[in-house]
Amino acid sequence: MQHLTDQLDAAYAQPGLHWLTDEAEHERALAYLTGGTGYQLTLYDESTRYVLLAYPAGATS
């Protein structure tokens, strides 16, 4: 994630930088994954959307 935020202008990087230290959101992601559901985080800049998708092992999208 840090590599992605390093490539974005500061204003667009803020949500990703916040996510890196957001323990509550990490717990929510873990709850989704351990419950068998995928987790998605989307960041934007002026012309591009970056999507991080994580699925538990063995899950089908």
PDB file of N, CA and C in Angstrom:
ATOM      1  N   MET A   1       0.824  -1.180   0.000  1.00  0.00           N
ATOM      2  CA  MET A   1       0.000   0.000   0.000  1.00  0.00           C
ATOM      3  C   MET A   1       0.874   1.252   0.000  1.00  0.00           C
ATOM      4  N   GLN A   2       1.933   1.252   0.763  1.00  0.00           N
ATOM      5  CA  GLN A   2       2.806   2.428   0.830  1.00  0.00           C
ATOM      6  C   GLN A   2       3.360   2.769  -0.550  1.00  0.00           C
ATOM      7  N   HIS A   3       3.688   1.754  -1.350  1.00  0.00           N
ATOM      8  CA  HIS A   3       4.199   2.004  -2.701  1.00  0.00           C
ATOM      9  C   HIS A   3       3.160   2.746  -3.537  1.00  0.00           C
ATOM     10  N   LEU A   4       1.902   2.382  -3.377  1.00  0.00           N
ATOM     11  CA  LEU A   4       0.835   3.048  -4.125  1.00  0.00           C
ATOM     12  C   LEU A   4       0.662   4.486  -3.659  1.00  0.00           C
ATOM     13  N   THR A   5       0.599   4.707  -2.363  1.00  0.00           N
ATOM     14  CA  THR A   5       0.401   6.071  -1.866  1.00  0.00           C
ATOM     15  C   THR A   5       1.583   6.969  -2.208  1.00  0.00           C
ATOM     16  N   ASP A   6       2.784   6.391  -2.311  1.00  0.00           N
ATOM     17  CA  ASP A   6       3.955   7.184  -2.695  1.00  0.00           C
ATOM     18  C   ASP A   6       3.823   7.744  -4.112  1.00  0.00           C
ATOM     19  N   GLN A   7       3.042   7.094  -4.954  1.00  0.00           N
ATOM     20  CA  GLN A   7       2.882   7.520  -6.337  1.00  0.00           C
ATOM     21  C   GLN A   7       1.784   8.566  -6.520  1.00  0.00           C
ATOM     22  N   LEU A   8       0.958   8.769  -5.511  1.00  0.00           N
ATOM     23  CA  LEU A   8      -0.177   9.685  -5.616  1.00  0.00           C
ATOM     24  C   LEU A   8       0.171  11.066  -5.076  1.00  0.00           C
ATOM     25  N   ASP A   9      -0.488  12.093  -5.615  1.00  0.00           N
ATOM     26  CA  ASP A   9      -0.366  13.423  -5.028  1.00  0.00           C
ATOM     27  C   ASP A   9      -0.891  13.362  -3.596  1.00  0.00           C
ATOM     28  N   ALA A  10      -0.410  14.263  -2.763  1.00  0.00           N
ATOM     29  CA  ALA A  10      -0.721  14.216  -1.328  1.00  0.00           C
ATOM     30  C   ALA A  10      -2.215  14.134  -1.031  1.00  0.00           C
ATOM     31  N   ALA A  11      -3.019  14.927  -1.706  1.00  0.00           N
ATOM     32  CA  ALA A  11      -4.459  14.920  -1.425  1.00  0.00           C
ATOM     33  C   ALA A  11      -5.089  13.568  -1.727  1.00  0.00           C
ATOM     34  N   TYR A  12      -4.664  12.927  -2.796  1.00  0.00           N
ATOM     35  CA  TYR A  12      -5.219  11.633  -3.170  1.00  0.00           C
ATOM     36  C   TYR A  12      -4.633  10.503  -2.325  1.00  0.00           C
ATOM     37  N   ALA A  13      -3.449  10.705  -1.785  1.00  0.00           N
ATOM     38  CA  ALA A  13      -2.787   9.676  -0.974  1.00  0.00           C
ATOM     39  C   ALA A  13      -3.363   9.582   0.435  1.00  0.00           C
ATOM     40  N   GLN A  14      -4.006  10.645   0.917  1.00  0.00           N
ATOM     41  CA  GLN A  14      -4.471  10.678   2.305  1.00  0.00           C
ATOM     42  C   GLN A  14      -5.336   9.495   2.726  1.00  0.00           C
ATOM     43  N   PRO A  15      -6.338   9.076   1.939  1.00  0.00           N
ATOM     44  CA  PRO A  15      -7.129   7.916   2.373  1.00  0.00           C
ATOM     45  C   PRO A  15      -6.284   6.645   2.538  1.00  0.00           C
ATOM     46  N   GLY A  16      -5.344   6.439   1.639  1.00  0.00           N
ATOM     47  CA  GLY A  16      -4.477   5.260   1.737  1.00  0.00           C
ATOM     48  C   GLY A  16      -3.538   5.352   2.923  1.00  0.00           C
ATOM     49  N   LEU A  17      -3.000   6.526   3.169  1.00  0.00           N
ATOM     50  CA  LEU A  17      -2.124   6.713   4.327  1.00  0.00           C
ATOM     51  C   LEU A  17      -2.895   6.521   5.625  1.00  0.00           C
ATOM     52  N   HIS A  18      -4.115   7.000   5.649  1.00  0.00           N
ATOM     53  CA  HIS A  18      -4.953   6.793   6.834  1.00  0.00           C
ATOM     54  C   HIS A  18      -5.223   5.301   7.035  1.00  0.00           C
ATOM     55  N   TRP A  19      -5.518   4.594   5.951  1.00  0.00           N
ATOM     56  CA  TRP A  19      -5.804   3.161   6.029  1.00  0.00           C
ATOM     57  C   TRP A  19      -4.634   2.402   6.643  1.00  0.00           C
ATOM     58  N   LEU A  20      -3.411   2.820   6.325  1.00  0.00           N
ATOM     59  CA  LEU A  20      -2.229   2.124   6.838  1.00  0.00           C
ATOM     60  C   LEU A  20      -2.157   2.100   8.358  1.00  0.00           C
ATOM     61  N   THR A  21      -2.765   3.070   9.008  1.00  0.00           N
ATOM     62  CA  THR A  21      -2.697   3.153  10.474  1.00  0.00           C
ATOM     63  C   THR A  21      -4.054   2.978  11.151  1.00  0.00           C
ATOM     64  N   ASP A  22      -5.069   2.630  10.397  1.00  0.00           N
ATOM     65  CA  ASP A  22      -6.431   2.523  10.919  1.00  0.00           C
ATOM     66  C   ASP A  22      -6.690   1.112  11.442  1.00  0.00           C
ATOM     67  N   GLU A  23      -6.457   0.916  12.732  1.00  0.00           N
ATOM     68  CA  GLU A  23      -6.605  -0.421  13.323  1.00  0.00           C
ATOM     69  C   GLU A  23      -8.037  -0.934  13.243  1.00  0.00           C
ATOM     70  N   ALA A  24      -9.004  -0.066  13.395  1.00  0.00           N
ATOM     71  CA  ALA A  24     -10.407  -0.489  13.321  1.00  0.00           C
ATOM     72  C   ALA A  24     -10.727  -1.024  11.918  1.00  0.00           C
ATOM     73  N   GLU A  25     -10.221  -0.363  10.898  1.00  0.00           N
ATOM     74  CA  GLU A  25     -10.468  -0.837   9.538  1.00  0.00           C
ATOM     75  C   GLU A  25      -9.740  -2.143   9.268  1.00  0.00           C
ATOM     76  N   HIS A  26      -8.554  -2.311   9.825  1.00  0.00           N
ATOM     77  CA  HIS A  26      -7.832  -3.578   9.693  1.00  0.00           C
ATOM     78  C   HIS A  26      -8.625  -4.715  10.350  1.00  0.00           C
ATOM     79  N   GLU A  27      -9.220  -4.427  11.499  1.00  0.00           N
ATOM     80  CA  GLU A  27     -10.060  -5.429  12.174  1.00  0.00           C
ATOM     81  C   GLU A  27     -11.285  -5.765  11.328  1.00  0.00           C
ATOM     82  N   ARG A  28     -11.873  -4.751  10.709  1.00  0.00           N
ATOM     83  CA  ARG A  28     -13.029  -4.989   9.847  1.00  0.00           C
ATOM     84  C   ARG A  28     -12.634  -5.856   8.652  1.00  0.00           C
ATOM     85  N   ALA A  29     -11.501  -5.562   8.042  1.00  0.00           N
ATOM     86  CA  ALA A  29     -11.017  -6.367   6.922  1.00  0.00           C
ATOM     87  C   ALA A  29     -10.780  -7.807   7.363  1.00  0.00           C
ATOM     88  N   LEU A  30     -10.164  -7.984   8.512  1.00  0.00           N
ATOM     89  CA  LEU A  30      -9.907  -9.326   9.034  1.00  0.00           C
ATOM     90  C   LEU A  30     -11.209 -10.066   9.306  1.00  0.00           C
ATOM     91  N   ALA A  31     -12.197  -9.369   9.835  1.00  0.00           N
ATOM     92  CA  ALA A  31     -13.497  -9.994  10.094  1.00  0.00           C
ATOM     93  C   ALA A  31     -14.141 -10.462   8.788  1.00  0.00           C
ATOM     94  N   TYR A  32     -14.060  -9.647   7.756  1.00  0.00           N
ATOM     95  CA  TYR A  32     -14.590 -10.063   6.452  1.00  0.00           C
ATOM     96  C   TYR A  32     -13.876 -11.322   5.961  1.00  0.00           C
ATOM     97  N   LEU A  33     -12.566 -11.289   6.000  1.00  0.00           N
ATOM     98  CA  LEU A  33     -11.788 -12.399   5.464  1.00  0.00           C
ATOM     99  C   LEU A  33     -11.989 -13.682   6.265  1.00  0.00           C
ATOM    100  N   THR A  34     -12.002 -13.581   7.589  1.00  0.00           N
ATOM    101  CA  THR A  34     -12.207 -14.779   8.390  1.00  0.00           C
ATOM    102  C   THR A  34     -13.638 -15.285   8.290  1.00  0.00           C
ATOM    103  N   GLY A  35     -14.565 -14.395   7.924  1.00  0.00           N
ATOM    104  CA  GLY A  35     -15.953 -14.784   7.721  1.00  0.00           C
ATOM    105  C   GLY A  35     -16.226 -15.330   6.327  1.00  0.00           C
ATOM    106  N   GLY A  36     -15.175 -15.390   5.498  1.00  0.00           N
ATOM    107  CA  GLY A  36     -15.325 -15.951   4.158  1.00  0.00           C
ATOM    108  C   GLY A  36     -15.696 -14.948   3.081  1.00  0.00           C
ATOM    109  N   THR A  37     -15.668 -13.667   3.421  1.00  0.00           N
ATOM    110  CA  THR A  37     -16.035 -12.614   2.476  1.00  0.00           C
ATOM    111  C   THR A  37     -14.791 -11.863   2.041  1.00  0.00           C
ATOM    112  N   GLY A  38     -14.792 -11.374   0.818  1.00  0.00           N
ATOM    113  CA  GLY A  38     -13.683 -10.572   0.318  1.00  0.00           C
ATOM    114  C   GLY A  38     -13.699  -9.169   0.899  1.00  0.00           C
ATOM    115  N   TYR A  39     -12.568  -8.505   0.785  1.00  0.00           N
ATOM    116  CA  TYR A  39     -12.408  -7.133   1.258  1.00  0.00           C
ATOM    117  C   TYR A  39     -11.879  -6.298   0.101  1.00  0.00           C
ATOM    118  N   GLN A  40     -12.369  -5.076  -0.033  1.00  0.00           N
ATOM    119  CA  GLN A  40     -11.951  -4.196  -1.122  1.00  0.00           C
ATOM    120  C   GLN A  40     -11.633  -2.813  -0.592  1.00  0.00           C
ATOM    121  N   LEU A  41     -10.544  -2.259  -1.059  1.00  0.00           N
ATOM    122  CA  LEU A  41     -10.165  -0.882  -0.762  1.00  0.00           C
ATOM    123  C   LEU A  41      -9.903  -0.204  -2.097  1.00  0.00           C
ATOM    124  N   THR A  42     -10.512   0.940  -2.321  1.00  0.00           N
ATOM    125  CA  THR A  42     -10.354   1.662  -3.579  1.00  0.00           C
ATOM    126  C   THR A  42      -9.798   3.048  -3.313  1.00  0.00           C
ATOM    127  N   LEU A  43      -8.756   3.407  -4.062  1.00  0.00           N
ATOM    128  CA  LEU A  43      -8.180   4.744  -4.019  1.00  0.00           C
ATOM    129  C   LEU A  43      -8.292   5.355  -5.408  1.00  0.00           C
ATOM    130  N   TYR A  44      -8.404   6.671  -5.455  1.00  0.00           N
ATOM    131  CA  TYR A  44      -8.571   7.381  -6.720  1.00  0.00           C
ATOM    132  C   TYR A  44      -7.546   8.488  -6.847  1.00  0.00           C
ATOM    133  N   ASP A  45      -7.232   8.834  -8.084  1.00  0.00           N
ATOM    134  CA  ASP A  45      -6.602  10.115  -8.369  1.00  0.00           C
ATOM    135  C   ASP A  45      -7.390  10.752  -9.501  1.00  0.00           C
ATOM    136  N   GLU A  46      -6.840  11.712 -10.175  1.00  0.00           N
ATOM    137  CA  GLU A  46      -7.609  12.433 -11.194  1.00  0.00           C
ATOM    138  C   GLU A  46      -8.110  11.535 -12.327  1.00  0.00           C
ATOM    139  N   SER A  47      -7.337  10.532 -12.685  1.00  0.00           N
ATOM    140  CA  SER A  47      -7.702   9.750 -13.868  1.00  0.00           C
ATOM    141  C   SER A  47      -7.696   8.243 -13.670  1.00  0.00           C
ATOM    142  N   THR A  48      -7.356   7.770 -12.485  1.00  0.00           N
ATOM    143  CA  THR A  48      -7.180   6.338 -12.282  1.00  0.00           C
ATOM    144  C   THR A  48      -7.832   5.893 -10.981  1.00  0.00           C
ATOM    145  N   ARG A  49      -8.340   4.672 -11.006  1.00  0.00           N
ATOM    146  CA  ARG A  49      -8.887   4.048  -9.798  1.00  0.00           C
ATOM    147  C   ARG A  49      -7.990   2.847  -9.485  1.00  0.00           C
ATOM    148  N   TYR A  50      -7.511   2.751  -8.254  1.00  0.00           N
ATOM    149  CA  TYR A  50      -6.671   1.654  -7.785  1.00  0.00           C
ATOM    150  C   TYR A  50      -7.499   0.826  -6.824  1.00  0.00           C
ATOM    151  N   VAL A  51      -7.614  -0.468  -7.077  1.00  0.00           N
ATOM    152  CA  VAL A  51      -8.468  -1.322  -6.266  1.00  0.00           C
ATOM    153  C   VAL A  51      -7.627  -2.453  -5.682  1.00  0.00           C
ATOM    154  N   LEU A  52      -7.636  -2.566  -4.371  1.00  0.00           N
ATOM    155  CA  LEU A  52      -7.008  -3.671  -3.657  1.00  0.00           C
ATOM    156  C   LEU A  52      -8.116  -4.646  -3.295  1.00  0.00           C
ATOM    157  N   LEU A  53      -8.021  -5.858  -3.778  1.00  0.00           N
ATOM    158  CA  LEU A  53      -9.002  -6.900  -3.462  1.00  0.00           C
ATOM    159  C   LEU A  53      -8.298  -8.022  -2.721  1.00  0.00           C
ATOM    160  N   ALA A  54      -8.911  -8.475  -1.669  1.00  0.00           N
ATOM    161  CA  ALA A  54      -8.372  -9.608  -0.916  1.00  0.00           C
ATOM    162  C   ALA A  54      -9.521 -10.583  -0.671  1.00  0.00           C
ATOM    163  N   TYR A  55      -9.271 -11.845  -0.935  1.00  0.00           N
ATOM    164  CA  TYR A  55     -10.247 -12.902  -0.693  1.00  0.00           C
ATOM    165  C   TYR A  55      -9.610 -13.982   0.156  1.00  0.00           C
ATOM    166  N   PRO A  56     -10.371 -14.609   1.028  1.00  0.00           N
ATOM    167  CA  PRO A  56      -9.812 -15.701   1.834  1.00  0.00           C
ATOM    168  C   PRO A  56      -9.405 -16.871   0.928  1.00  0.00           C
ATOM    169  N   ALA A  57      -8.451 -17.626   1.377  1.00  0.00           N
ATOM    170  CA  ALA A  57      -7.986 -18.786   0.608  1.00  0.00           C
ATOM    171  C   ALA A  57      -9.148 -19.709   0.294  1.00  0.00           C
ATOM    172  N   GLY A  58      -9.222 -20.135  -0.937  1.00  0.00           N
ATOM    173  CA  GLY A  58     -10.281 -21.061  -1.350  1.00  0.00           C
ATOM    174  C   GLY A  58     -11.568 -20.392  -1.746  1.00  0.00           C
ATOM    175  N   ALA A  59     -11.666 -19.093  -1.584  1.00  0.00           N
ATOM    176  CA  ALA A  59     -12.904 -18.379  -1.927  1.00  0.00           C
ATOM    177  C   ALA A  59     -12.987 -18.183  -3.425  1.00  0.00           C
ATOM    178  N   THR A  60     -14.186 -18.191  -3.940  1.00  0.00           N
ATOM    179  CA  THR A  60     -14.391 -17.839  -5.331  1.00  0.00           C
ATOM    180  C   THR A  60     -15.031 -16.474  -5.359  1.00  0.00           C
ATOM    181  N   SER A  61     -14.548 -15.625  -6.222  1.00  0.00           N
ATOM    182  CA  SER A  61     -14.991 -14.227  -6.257  1.00  0.00           C
ATOM    183  C   SER A  61     -16.498 -14.169  -6.251  1.00  0.00           C
TER     184      SER A  61
END
